[in-house]
Amino acid sequence: MTIFPPDPNLGALRVQLARLRNERGWTFDELAERSGLSRRTLIDLEHGRTTGSVTTWHALAHAFDVPFDQLLGTLCEGHAPPAEPSA
């Protein structure tokens, strides 16, 4: 029997991105300059038109100076933690 993990909470990730940007008072242009990503990519991420890549989110974690796992941890918001493997 195959057990699939719950779907990632992409909405929570978008909210996290917007929250971090707004907390710093950064425009999309400023975040683009700090992250090396295009303004269009950032807008598309925040508005849910794209999910981005690991490289994209890595750049954003560095731009915001937050741990990568903290930034992406919101993907599991509302999920039960995975069970420990049986020995």
Protein backbone atom coordinates (compact mmCIF):
# COMPACT_ATOMS: atom_id res chain seq x y z
CA MET A 1 0.00 0.00 0.00
CA THR A 2 1.41 3.36 -1.03
CA ILE A 3 0.87 6.27 1.32
CA PHE A 4 1.17 9.69 -0.23
CA PRO A 5 2.20 12.76 1.77
CA PRO A 6 -0.29 15.62 2.06
CA ASP A 7 -0.17 18.28 -0.62
CA PRO A 8 2.17 21.17 0.20
CA ASN A 9 0.45 24.28 1.50
CA LEU A 10 1.48 26.61 -1.33
CA GLY A 11 -0.93 29.28 -0.13
CA ALA A 12 0.89 29.49 3.20
CA LEU A 13 4.21 29.79 1.36
CA ARG A 14 2.88 32.69 -0.72
CA VAL A 15 1.61 34.40 2.44
CA GLN A 16 5.03 33.88 4.08
CA LEU A 17 6.76 35.51 1.11
CA ALA A 18 4.43 38.51 1.18
CA ARG A 19 4.75 38.82 4.97
CA LEU A 20 8.55 38.80 4.91
CA ARG A 21 8.65 41.34 2.08
CA ASN A 22 6.11 43.63 3.75
CA GLU A 23 7.76 43.39 7.20
CA ARG A 24 10.91 44.79 5.65
CA GLY A 25 9.04 47.42 3.68
CA TRP A 26 10.56 46.14 0.43
CA THR A 27 9.03 46.64 -2.97
CA PHE A 28 9.18 43.90 -5.57
CA ASP A 29 12.00 45.86 -7.22
CA GLU A 30 14.03 45.96 -4.02
CA LEU A 31 13.55 42.25 -3.36
CA ALA A 32 14.50 41.54 -6.97
CA GLU A 33 17.75 43.42 -6.51
CA ARG A 34 18.52 41.72 -3.19
CA SER A 35 17.67 38.20 -4.42
CA GLY A 36 18.87 38.33 -8.03
CA LEU A 37 15.41 37.21 -9.17
CA SER A 38 13.27 39.10 -11.64
CA ARG A 39 10.47 41.35 -10.46
CA ARG A 40 8.04 39.31 -12.60
CA THR A 41 9.12 36.06 -10.90
CA LEU A 42 8.52 37.57 -7.47
CA ILE A 43 5.08 38.87 -8.43
CA ASP A 44 4.17 35.48 -9.92
CA LEU A 45 5.32 33.70 -6.75
CA GLU A 46 3.31 35.96 -4.45
CA HIS A 47 0.22 35.72 -6.62
CA GLY A 48 0.41 31.94 -6.98
CA ARG A 49 1.05 31.86 -10.72
CA THR A 50 4.24 29.84 -10.23
CA THR A 51 5.76 27.77 -7.44
CA GLY A 52 9.42 28.49 -8.18
CA SER A 53 12.35 26.12 -7.86
CA VAL A 54 14.57 25.15 -4.96
CA THR A 55 17.12 27.63 -6.35
CA THR A 56 14.50 30.40 -6.34
CA TRP A 57 13.52 29.78 -2.71
CA HIS A 58 17.18 29.43 -1.72
CA ALA A 59 17.86 32.90 -3.15
CA LEU A 60 14.87 34.29 -1.25
CA ALA A 61 15.98 32.73 2.04
CA HIS A 62 19.35 34.44 1.64
CA ALA A 63 17.75 37.76 0.65
CA PHE A 64 15.54 37.68 3.75
CA ASP A 65 18.36 36.27 5.91
CA VAL A 66 16.17 33.44 7.19
CA PRO A 67 17.02 29.73 7.35
CA PHE A 68 15.89 27.83 4.26
CA ASP A 69 13.92 25.32 6.35
CA GLN A 70 12.13 28.14 8.15
CA LEU A 71 11.05 29.67 4.86
CA LEU A 72 9.88 26.39 3.33
CA GLY A 73 8.51 25.03 6.61
CA THR A 74 5.24 26.79 5.81
CA LEU A 75 4.66 24.20 3.08
CA CYS A 76 3.77 21.76 5.87
CA GLU A 77 1.51 24.18 7.73
CA GLY A 78 -1.52 22.25 8.93
CA HIS A 79 0.09 18.84 8.35
CA ALA A 80 0.74 16.22 10.98
CA PRO A 81 4.45 15.45 11.29
CA PRO A 82 5.55 12.30 9.47
CA ALA A 83 5.58 9.12 11.52
CA GLU A 84 8.85 7.69 12.73
CA PRO A 85 10.01 4.74 10.62
CA SER A 86 9.50 1.32 12.20
CA ALA A 87 12.62 -0.52 13.27
